[in-house]
Amino acid sequence: MQMDYEQHFARDRRICGGEPVIRGTRVTVRTILASQAAGDRIEDILADFPTIREEHVRAVIAFAASSAAEDVPIPDIPAVK
Protein backbone atom coordinates (compact mmCIF):
# COMPACT_ATOMS: atom_id res chain seq x y z
CA MET A 1 0.00 0.00 0.00
CA GLN A 2 1.47 3.35 -1.07
CA MET A 3 1.21 6.34 1.24
CA ASP A 4 -0.34 9.57 -0.03
CA TYR A 5 2.43 11.97 0.97
CA GLU A 6 0.48 15.01 -0.27
CA GLN A 7 -1.92 14.67 2.63
CA HIS A 8 1.04 15.08 5.02
CA PHE A 9 3.49 17.34 3.13
CA ALA A 10 3.30 20.64 1.30
CA ARG A 11 5.70 22.75 -0.79
CA ASP A 12 5.23 26.47 -1.21
CA ARG A 13 7.93 28.95 -2.20
CA ARG A 14 6.56 31.34 0.41
CA ILE A 15 7.03 28.82 3.24
CA CYS A 16 10.57 27.80 4.22
CA GLY A 17 11.85 28.69 0.75
CA GLY A 18 9.87 25.89 -0.87
CA GLU A 19 11.33 23.05 1.19
CA PRO A 20 8.82 20.28 1.87
CA VAL A 21 7.11 20.86 5.22
CA ILE A 22 4.53 19.07 7.30
CA ARG A 23 1.26 20.43 5.91
CA GLY A 24 -0.06 23.35 7.96
CA THR A 25 3.28 23.93 9.73
CA ARG A 26 6.75 25.30 9.09
CA VAL A 27 8.39 22.08 10.24
CA THR A 28 10.49 20.76 7.36
CA VAL A 29 10.75 17.14 6.35
CA ARG A 30 14.53 17.58 6.54
CA THR A 31 14.28 18.75 10.17
CA ILE A 32 12.35 15.61 11.13
CA LEU A 33 14.87 13.39 9.33
CA ALA A 34 17.78 15.19 11.00
CA SER A 35 16.17 14.71 14.40
CA GLN A 36 15.79 11.01 13.73
CA ALA A 37 19.37 10.75 12.48
CA ALA A 38 20.50 12.40 15.73
CA GLY A 39 18.79 9.60 17.65
CA ASP A 40 15.64 11.39 18.74
CA ARG A 41 12.68 9.13 19.43
CA ILE A 42 9.27 9.96 17.98
CA GLU A 43 8.20 11.14 21.44
CA ASP A 44 11.15 13.57 21.54
CA ILE A 45 10.29 14.96 18.11
CA LEU A 46 6.65 15.44 19.07
CA ALA A 47 7.73 17.28 22.23
CA ASP A 48 10.06 19.53 20.21
CA PHE A 49 7.44 20.24 17.53
CA PRO A 50 3.97 20.28 19.14
CA THR A 51 2.27 21.20 15.85
CA ILE A 52 2.94 17.77 14.35
CA ARG A 53 1.54 14.32 15.13
CA GLU A 54 3.01 10.84 15.16
CA GLU A 55 1.46 10.07 11.77
CA HIS A 56 3.49 12.96 10.30
CA VAL A 57 6.75 11.53 11.64
CA ARG A 58 5.85 8.10 10.30
CA ALA A 59 5.04 9.64 6.89
CA VAL A 60 8.49 11.27 6.83
CA ILE A 61 10.12 7.93 7.64
CA ALA A 62 8.12 6.16 4.92
CA PHE A 63 8.95 8.91 2.42
CA ALA A 64 12.67 8.65 3.19
CA ALA A 65 12.59 4.86 2.85
CA SER A 66 10.76 5.10 -0.45
CA SER A 67 13.14 7.77 -1.75
CA ALA A 68 16.19 5.75 -0.74
CA ALA A 69 14.87 2.70 -2.54
CA GLU A 70 14.57 4.73 -5.74
CA ASP A 71 17.86 6.65 -5.50
CA VAL A 72 20.42 4.17 -4.21
CA PRO A 73 21.93 2.15 -7.04
CA ILE A 74 22.00 -1.59 -6.52
CA PRO A 75 25.35 -3.12 -7.47
CA ASP A 76 25.46 -6.06 -9.79
CA ILE A 77 25.51 -9.47 -8.15
CA PRO A 78 28.98 -10.94 -8.61
CA ALA A 79 29.20 -14.12 -10.62
CA VAL A 80 29.76 -17.28 -8.61
CA LYS A 81 32.81 -19.23 -9.76
PDB file of N, CA and C in Angstrom:
ATOM      1  N   MET A   1       0.843  -1.184   0.000  1.00  0.00           N
ATOM      2  CA  MET A   1       0.000   0.000   0.000  1.00  0.00           C
ATOM      3  C   MET A   1       0.884   1.242   0.000  1.00  0.00           C
ATOM      4  N   GLN A   2       0.675   2.134  -0.954  1.00  0.00           N
ATOM      5  CA  GLN A   2       1.468   3.349  -1.071  1.00  0.00           C
ATOM      6  C   GLN A   2       0.833   4.480  -0.261  1.00  0.00           C
ATOM      7  N   MET A   3       1.679   5.235   0.417  1.00  0.00           N
ATOM      8  CA  MET A   3       1.206   6.345   1.236  1.00  0.00           C
ATOM      9  C   MET A   3       0.979   7.579   0.366  1.00  0.00           C
ATOM     10  N   ASP A   4      -0.063   8.309   0.656  1.00  0.00           N
ATOM     11  CA  ASP A   4      -0.344   9.569  -0.028  1.00  0.00           C
ATOM     12  C   ASP A   4       0.385  10.687   0.716  1.00  0.00           C
ATOM     13  N   TYR A   5       1.612  10.983   0.281  1.00  0.00           N
ATOM     14  CA  TYR A   5       2.431  11.974   0.971  1.00  0.00           C
ATOM     15  C   TYR A   5       1.827  13.366   0.909  1.00  0.00           C
ATOM     16  N   GLU A   6       1.065  13.673  -0.129  1.00  0.00           N
ATOM     17  CA  GLU A   6       0.482  15.008  -0.271  1.00  0.00           C
ATOM     18  C   GLU A   6      -0.460  15.358   0.873  1.00  0.00           C
ATOM     19  N   GLN A   7      -1.039  14.363   1.495  1.00  0.00           N
ATOM     20  CA  GLN A   7      -1.923  14.673   2.629  1.00  0.00           C
ATOM     21  C   GLN A   7      -1.110  15.095   3.845  1.00  0.00           C
ATOM     22  N   HIS A   8       0.188  14.752   3.880  1.00  0.00           N
ATOM     23  CA  HIS A   8       1.038  15.083   5.022  1.00  0.00           C
ATOM     24  C   HIS A   8       2.013  16.227   4.733  1.00  0.00           C
ATOM     25  N   PHE A   9       2.447  16.380   3.485  1.00  0.00           N
ATOM     26  CA  PHE A   9       3.489  17.338   3.135  1.00  0.00           C
ATOM     27  C   PHE A   9       2.955  18.414   2.198  1.00  0.00           C
ATOM     28  N   ALA A  10       3.628  19.556   2.223  1.00  0.00           N
ATOM     29  CA  ALA A  10       3.303  20.645   1.300  1.00  0.00           C
ATOM     30  C   ALA A  10       4.600  21.331   0.884  1.00  0.00           C
ATOM     31  N   ARG A  11       4.578  21.934  -0.297  1.00  0.00           N
ATOM     32  CA  ARG A  11       5.698  22.751  -0.790  1.00  0.00           C
ATOM     33  C   ARG A  11       5.124  24.055  -1.307  1.00  0.00           C
ATOM     34  N   ASP A  12       5.683  25.132  -0.807  1.00  0.00           N
ATOM     35  CA  ASP A  12       5.232  26.465  -1.213  1.00  0.00           C
ATOM     36  C   ASP A  12       6.443  27.379  -1.118  1.00  0.00           C
ATOM     37  N   ARG A  13       6.760  28.067  -2.197  1.00  0.00           N
ATOM     38  CA  ARG A  13       7.934  28.949  -2.202  1.00  0.00           C
ATOM     39  C   ARG A  13       7.890  29.992  -1.090  1.00  0.00           C
ATOM     40  N   ARG A  14       6.693  30.312  -0.638  1.00  0.00           N
ATOM     41  CA  ARG A  14       6.556  31.336   0.412  1.00  0.00           C
ATOM     42  C   ARG A  14       6.772  30.778   1.813  1.00  0.00           C
ATOM     43  N   ILE A  15       6.853  29.469   1.931  1.00  0.00           N
ATOM     44  CA  ILE A  15       7.034  28.824   3.240  1.00  0.00           C
ATOM     45  C   ILE A  15       8.352  28.060   3.222  1.00  0.00           C
ATOM     46  N   CYS A  16       9.264  28.463   4.076  1.00  0.00           N
ATOM     47  CA  CYS A  16      10.570  27.801   4.216  1.00  0.00           C
ATOM     48  C   CYS A  16      11.295  27.670   2.874  1.00  0.00           C
ATOM     49  N   GLY A  17      11.146  28.676   2.025  1.00  0.00           N
ATOM     50  CA  GLY A  17      11.852  28.690   0.746  1.00  0.00           C
ATOM     51  C   GLY A  17      11.470  27.570  -0.201  1.00  0.00           C
ATOM     52  N   GLY A  18      10.322  26.954   0.018  1.00  0.00           N
ATOM     53  CA  GLY A  18       9.870  25.885  -0.869  1.00  0.00           C
ATOM     54  C   GLY A  18      10.284  24.493  -0.442  1.00  0.00           C
ATOM     55  N   GLU A  19      10.992  24.390   0.687  1.00  0.00           N
ATOM     56  CA  GLU A  19      11.326  23.051   1.193  1.00  0.00           C
ATOM     57  C   GLU A  19      10.044  22.328   1.571  1.00  0.00           C
ATOM     58  N   PRO A  20      10.006  21.008   1.429  1.00  0.00           N
ATOM     59  CA  PRO A  20       8.816  20.278   1.868  1.00  0.00           C
ATOM     60  C   PRO A  20       8.647  20.403   3.382  1.00  0.00           C
ATOM     61  N   VAL A  21       7.438  20.712   3.797  1.00  0.00           N
ATOM     62  CA  VAL A  21       7.108  20.864   5.217  1.00  0.00           C
ATOM     63  C   VAL A  21       5.925  19.972   5.554  1.00  0.00           C
ATOM     64  N   ILE A  22       5.734  19.754   6.853  1.00  0.00           N
ATOM     65  CA  ILE A  22       4.530  19.070   7.303  1.00  0.00           C
ATOM     66  C   ILE A  22       3.380  20.036   7.033  1.00  0.00           C
ATOM     67  N   ARG A  23       2.383  19.575   6.323  1.00  0.00           N
ATOM     68  CA  ARG A  23       1.256  20.429   5.913  1.00  0.00           C
ATOM     69  C   ARG A  23       0.688  21.194   7.114  1.00  0.00           C
ATOM     70  N   GLY A  24       0.513  22.507   6.919  1.00  0.00           N
ATOM     71  CA  GLY A  24      -0.058  23.353   7.956  1.00  0.00           C
ATOM     72  C   GLY A  24       0.943  23.835   8.997  1.00  0.00           C
ATOM     73  N   THR A  25       2.237  23.516   8.785  1.00  0.00           N
ATOM     74  CA  THR A  25       3.276  23.929   9.726  1.00  0.00           C
ATOM     75  C   THR A  25       4.454  24.513   8.952  1.00  0.00           C
ATOM     76  N   ARG A  26       5.467  24.897   9.683  1.00  0.00           N
ATOM     77  CA  ARG A  26       6.746  25.300   9.088  1.00  0.00           C
ATOM     78  C   ARG A  26       7.842  24.312   9.483  1.00  0.00           C
ATOM     79  N   VAL A  27       7.445  23.128   9.871  1.00  0.00           N
ATOM     80  CA  VAL A  27       8.395  22.076  10.242  1.00  0.00           C
ATOM     81  C   VAL A  27       8.772  21.327   8.962  1.00  0.00           C
ATOM     82  N   THR A  28      10.063  21.385   8.614  1.00  0.00           N
ATOM     83  CA  THR A  28      10.485  20.763   7.362  1.00  0.00           C
ATOM     84  C   THR A  28      10.679  19.254   7.508  1.00  0.00           C
ATOM     85  N   VAL A  29      10.497  18.579   6.401  1.00  0.00           N
ATOM     86  CA  VAL A  29      10.753  17.139   6.347  1.00  0.00           C
ATOM     87  C   VAL A  29      12.210  16.886   6.725  1.00  0.00           C
ATOM     88  N   ARG A  30      13.100  17.727   6.245  1.00  0.00           N
ATOM     89  CA  ARG A  30      14.529  17.582   6.541  1.00  0.00           C
ATOM     90  C   ARG A  30      14.802  17.694   8.041  1.00  0.00           C
ATOM     91  N   THR A  31      14.105  18.590   8.724  1.00  0.00           N
ATOM     92  CA  THR A  31      14.282  18.746  10.175  1.00  0.00           C
ATOM     93  C   THR A  31      13.901  17.469  10.906  1.00  0.00           C
ATOM     94  N   ILE A  32      12.789  16.862  10.493  1.00  0.00           N
ATOM     95  CA  ILE A  32      12.350  15.612  11.129  1.00  0.00           C
ATOM     96  C   ILE A  32      13.370  14.506  10.877  1.00  0.00           C
ATOM     97  N   LEU A  33      13.863  14.409   9.642  1.00  0.00           N
ATOM     98  CA  LEU A  33      14.870  13.393   9.328  1.00  0.00           C
ATOM     99  C   LEU A  33      16.158  13.627  10.113  1.00  0.00           C
ATOM    100  N   ALA A  34      16.570  14.876  10.240  1.00  0.00           N
ATOM    101  CA  ALA A  34      17.782  15.190  10.998  1.00  0.00           C
ATOM    102  C   ALA A  34      17.604  14.824  12.474  1.00  0.00           C
ATOM    103  N   SER A  35      16.434  15.074  13.014  1.00  0.00           N
ATOM    104  CA  SER A  35      16.166  14.711  14.404  1.00  0.00           C
ATOM    105  C   SER A  35      16.266  13.207  14.584  1.00  0.00           C
ATOM    106  N   GLN A  36      15.714  12.469  13.649  1.00  0.00           N
ATOM    107  CA  GLN A  36      15.792  11.007  13.731  1.00  0.00           C
ATOM    108  C   GLN A  36      17.229  10.530  13.593  1.00  0.00           C
ATOM    109  N   ALA A  37      17.975  11.129  12.668  1.00  0.00           N
ATOM    110  CA  ALA A  37      19.372  10.748  12.477  1.00  0.00           C
ATOM    111  C   ALA A  37      20.199  11.032  13.735  1.00  0.00           C
ATOM    112  N   ALA A  38      19.802  12.048  14.489  1.00  0.00           N
ATOM    113  CA  ALA A  38      20.502  12.397  15.726  1.00  0.00           C
ATOM    114  C   ALA A  38      20.117  11.464  16.878  1.00  0.00           C
ATOM    115  N   GLY A  39      19.172  10.567  16.633  1.00  0.00           N
ATOM    116  CA  GLY A  39      18.790   9.598  17.647  1.00  0.00           C
ATOM    117  C   GLY A  39      17.542   9.949  18.432  1.00  0.00           C
ATOM    118  N   ASP A  40      16.868  11.023  18.034  1.00  0.00           N
ATOM    119  CA  ASP A  40      15.635  11.394  18.738  1.00  0.00           C
ATOM    120  C   ASP A  40      14.549  10.351  18.499  1.00  0.00           C
ATOM    121  N   ARG A  41      13.832  10.023  19.546  1.00  0.00           N
ATOM    122  CA  ARG A  41      12.681   9.130  19.427  1.00  0.00           C
ATOM    123  C   ARG A  41      11.485   9.943  18.926  1.00  0.00           C
ATOM    124  N   ILE A  42      10.470   9.260  18.461  1.00  0.00           N
ATOM    125  CA  ILE A  42       9.271   9.958  17.984  1.00  0.00           C
ATOM    126  C   ILE A  42       8.715  10.848  19.087  1.00  0.00           C
ATOM    127  N   GLU A  43       8.719  10.356  20.319  1.00  0.00           N
ATOM    128  CA  GLU A  43       8.199  11.142  21.439  1.00  0.00           C
ATOM    129  C   GLU A  43       8.984  12.437  21.621  1.00  0.00           C
ATOM    130  N   ASP A  44      10.309  12.374  21.421  1.00  0.00           N
ATOM    131  CA  ASP A  44      11.152  13.566  21.536  1.00  0.00           C
ATOM    132  C   ASP A  44      10.799  14.577  20.450  1.00  0.00           C
ATOM    133  N   ILE A  45      10.614  14.077  19.248  1.00  0.00           N
ATOM    134  CA  ILE A  45      10.289  14.958  18.113  1.00  0.00           C
ATOM    135  C   ILE A  45       8.947  15.630  18.349  1.00  0.00           C
ATOM    136  N   LEU A  46       7.974  14.868  18.810  1.00  0.00           N
ATOM    137  CA  LEU A  46       6.649  15.443  19.073  1.00  0.00           C
ATOM    138  C   LEU A  46       6.716  16.495  20.170  1.00  0.00           C
ATOM    139  N   ALA A  47       7.574  16.290  21.161  1.00  0.00           N
ATOM    140  CA  ALA A  47       7.728  17.279  22.233  1.00  0.00           C
ATOM    141  C   ALA A  47       8.399  18.551  21.704  1.00  0.00           C
ATOM    142  N   ASP A  48       9.363  18.376  20.787  1.00  0.00           N
ATOM    143  CA  ASP A  48      10.060  19.530  20.209  1.00  0.00           C
ATOM    144  C   ASP A  48       9.190  20.317  19.233  1.00  0.00           C
ATOM    145  N   PHE A  49       8.281  19.618  18.555  1.00  0.00           N
ATOM    146  CA  PHE A  49       7.438  20.238  17.527  1.00  0.00           C
ATOM    147  C   PHE A  49       5.970  19.909  17.804  1.00  0.00           C
ATOM    148  N   PRO A  50       5.337  20.624  18.713  1.00  0.00           N
ATOM    149  CA  PRO A  50       3.973  20.284  19.135  1.00  0.00           C
ATOM    150  C   PRO A  50       2.903  20.455  18.053  1.00  0.00           C
ATOM    151  N   THR A  51       3.259  21.034  16.917  1.00  0.00           N
ATOM    152  CA  THR A  51       2.271  21.200  15.845  1.00  0.00           C
ATOM    153  C   THR A  51       2.172  19.974  14.946  1.00  0.00           C
ATOM    154  N   ILE A  52       3.025  18.974  15.186  1.00  0.00           N
ATOM    155  CA  ILE A  52       2.939  17.767  14.355  1.00  0.00           C
ATOM    156  C   ILE A  52       2.469  16.586  15.193  1.00  0.00           C
ATOM    157  N   ARG A  53       2.042  15.533  14.478  1.00  0.00           N
ATOM    158  CA  ARG A  53       1.538  14.322  15.131  1.00  0.00           C
ATOM    159  C   ARG A  53       2.408  13.120  14.731  1.00  0.00           C
ATOM    160  N   GLU A  54       2.220  12.041  15.439  1.00  0.00           N
ATOM    161  CA  GLU A  54       3.005  10.836  15.164  1.00  0.00           C
ATOM    162  C   GLU A  54       2.847  10.387  13.706  1.00  0.00           C
ATOM    163  N   GLU A  55       1.670  10.497  13.168  1.00  0.00           N
ATOM    164  CA  GLU A  55       1.459  10.072  11.775  1.00  0.00           C
ATOM    165  C   GLU A  55       2.321  10.887  10.810  1.00  0.00           C
ATOM    166  N   HIS A  56       2.611  12.142  11.147  1.00  0.00           N
ATOM    167  CA  HIS A  56       3.487  12.958  10.297  1.00  0.00           C
ATOM    168  C   HIS A  56       4.911  12.408  10.318  1.00  0.00           C
ATOM    169  N   VAL A  57       5.395  12.072  11.516  1.00  0.00           N
ATOM    170  CA  VAL A  57       6.751  11.534  11.635  1.00  0.00           C
ATOM    171  C   VAL A  57       6.842  10.217  10.879  1.00  0.00           C
ATOM    172  N   ARG A  58       5.846   9.382  11.005  1.00  0.00           N
ATOM    173  CA  ARG A  58       5.849   8.095  10.296  1.00  0.00           C
ATOM    174  C   ARG A  58       5.797   8.303   8.777  1.00  0.00           C
ATOM    175  N   ALA A  59       5.089   9.333   8.324  1.00  0.00           N
ATOM    176  CA  ALA A  59       5.044   9.642   6.887  1.00  0.00           C
ATOM    177  C   ALA A  59       6.420  10.082   6.393  1.00  0.00           C
ATOM    178  N   VAL A  60       7.136  10.852   7.202  1.00  0.00           N
ATOM    179  CA  VAL A  60       8.491  11.273   6.832  1.00  0.00           C
ATOM    180  C   VAL A  60       9.406  10.055   6.722  1.00  0.00           C
ATOM    181  N   ILE A  61       9.295   9.144   7.668  1.00  0.00           N
ATOM    182  CA  ILE A  61      10.117   7.928   7.638  1.00  0.00           C
ATOM    183  C   ILE A  61       9.796   7.104   6.383  1.00  0.00           C
ATOM    184  N   ALA A  62       8.533   6.936   6.098  1.00  0.00           N
ATOM    185  CA  ALA A  62       8.120   6.165   4.923  1.00  0.00           C
ATOM    186  C   ALA A  62       8.591   6.837   3.635  1.00  0.00           C
ATOM    187  N   PHE A  63       8.498   8.161   3.588  1.00  0.00           N
ATOM    188  CA  PHE A  63       8.946   8.915   2.424  1.00  0.00           C
ATOM    189  C   PHE A  63      10.450   8.727   2.215  1.00  0.00           C
ATOM    190  N   ALA A  64      11.214   8.813   3.295  1.00  0.00           N
ATOM    191  CA  ALA A  64      12.666   8.649   3.191  1.00  0.00           C
ATOM    192  C   ALA A  64      13.016   7.240   2.723  1.00  0.00           C
ATOM    193  N   ALA A  65      12.331   6.252   3.257  1.00  0.00           N
ATOM    194  CA  ALA A  65      12.591   4.864   2.855  1.00  0.00           C
ATOM    195  C   ALA A  65      12.262   4.661   1.383  1.00  0.00           C
ATOM    196  N   SER A  66      11.159   5.220   0.948  1.00  0.00           N
ATOM    197  CA  SER A  66      10.757   5.104  -0.448  1.00  0.00           C
ATOM    198  C   SER A  66      11.749   5.819  -1.360  1.00  0.00           C
ATOM    199  N   SER A  67      12.181   6.994  -0.955  1.00  0.00           N
ATOM    200  CA  SER A  67      13.140   7.770  -1.754  1.00  0.00           C
ATOM    201  C   SER A  67      14.471   7.041  -1.851  1.00  0.00           C
ATOM    202  N   ALA A  68      14.916   6.466  -0.741  1.00  0.00           N
ATOM    203  CA  ALA A  68      16.188   5.752  -0.744  1.00  0.00           C
ATOM    204  C   ALA A  68      16.135   4.549  -1.667  1.00  0.00           C
ATOM    205  N   ALA A  69      15.016   3.879  -1.686  1.00  0.00           N
ATOM    206  CA  ALA A  69      14.874   2.698  -2.544  1.00  0.00           C
ATOM    207  C   ALA A  69      14.978   3.080  -4.016  1.00  0.00           C
ATOM    208  N   GLU A  70      14.537   4.283  -4.349  1.00  0.00           N
ATOM    209  CA  GLU A  70      14.574   4.733  -5.737  1.00  0.00           C
ATOM    210  C   GLU A  70      15.922   5.304  -6.130  1.00  0.00           C
ATOM    211  N   ASP A  71      16.658   5.896  -5.177  1.00  0.00           N
ATOM    212  CA  ASP A  71      17.859   6.654  -5.503  1.00  0.00           C
ATOM    213  C   ASP A  71      19.168   5.900  -5.314  1.00  0.00           C
ATOM    214  N   VAL A  72      19.178   4.880  -4.486  1.00  0.00           N
ATOM    215  CA  VAL A  72      20.420   4.171  -4.214  1.00  0.00           C
ATOM    216  C   VAL A  72      20.616   3.091  -5.270  1.00  0.00           C
ATOM    217  N   PRO A  73      21.708   3.181  -6.012  1.00  0.00           N
ATOM    218  CA  PRO A  73      21.931   2.153  -7.038  1.00  0.00           C
ATOM    219  C   PRO A  73      22.236   0.807  -6.391  1.00  0.00           C
ATOM    220  N   ILE A  74      21.752  -0.232  -7.002  1.00  0.00           N
ATOM    221  CA  ILE A  74      21.998  -1.593  -6.516  1.00  0.00           C
ATOM    222  C   ILE A  74      23.134  -2.170  -7.352  1.00  0.00           C
ATOM    223  N   PRO A  75      24.218  -2.573  -6.693  1.00  0.00           N
ATOM    224  CA  PRO A  75      25.349  -3.122  -7.466  1.00  0.00           C
ATOM    225  C   PRO A  75      24.970  -4.458  -8.082  1.00  0.00           C
ATOM    226  N   ASP A  76      25.664  -4.774  -9.148  1.00  0.00           N
ATOM    227  CA  ASP A  76      25.456  -6.065  -9.791  1.00  0.00           C
ATOM    228  C   ASP A  76      25.858  -7.184  -8.836  1.00  0.00           C
ATOM    229  N   ILE A  77      25.174  -8.292  -8.952  1.00  0.00           N
ATOM    230  CA  ILE A  77      25.514  -9.466  -8.151  1.00  0.00           C
ATOM    231  C   ILE A  77      26.720 -10.122  -8.798  1.00  0.00           C
ATOM    232  N   PRO A  78      27.780 -10.342  -8.010  1.00  0.00           N
ATOM    233  CA  PRO A  78      28.982 -10.943  -8.611  1.00  0.00           C
ATOM    234  C   PRO A  78      28.704 -12.377  -9.057  1.00  0.00           C
ATOM    235  N   ALA A  79      29.344 -12.756 -10.111  1.00  0.00           N
ATOM    236  CA  ALA A  79      29.199 -14.121 -10.620  1.00  0.00           C
ATOM    237  C   ALA A  79      29.849 -15.101  -9.645  1.00  0.00           C
ATOM    238  N   VAL A  80      29.213 -16.229  -9.477  1.00  0.00           N
ATOM    239  CA  VAL A  80      29.761 -17.280  -8.607  1.00  0.00           C
ATOM    240  C   VAL A  80      30.656 -18.163  -9.467  1.00  0.00           C
ATOM    241  N   LYS A  81      31.856 -18.411  -8.983  1.00  0.00           N
ATOM    242  CA  LYS A  81      32.809 -19.227  -9.765  1.00  0.00           C
ATOM    243  C   LYS A  81      33.096 -20.515  -9.068  1.00  0.00           C
TER     244      LYS A  81
END
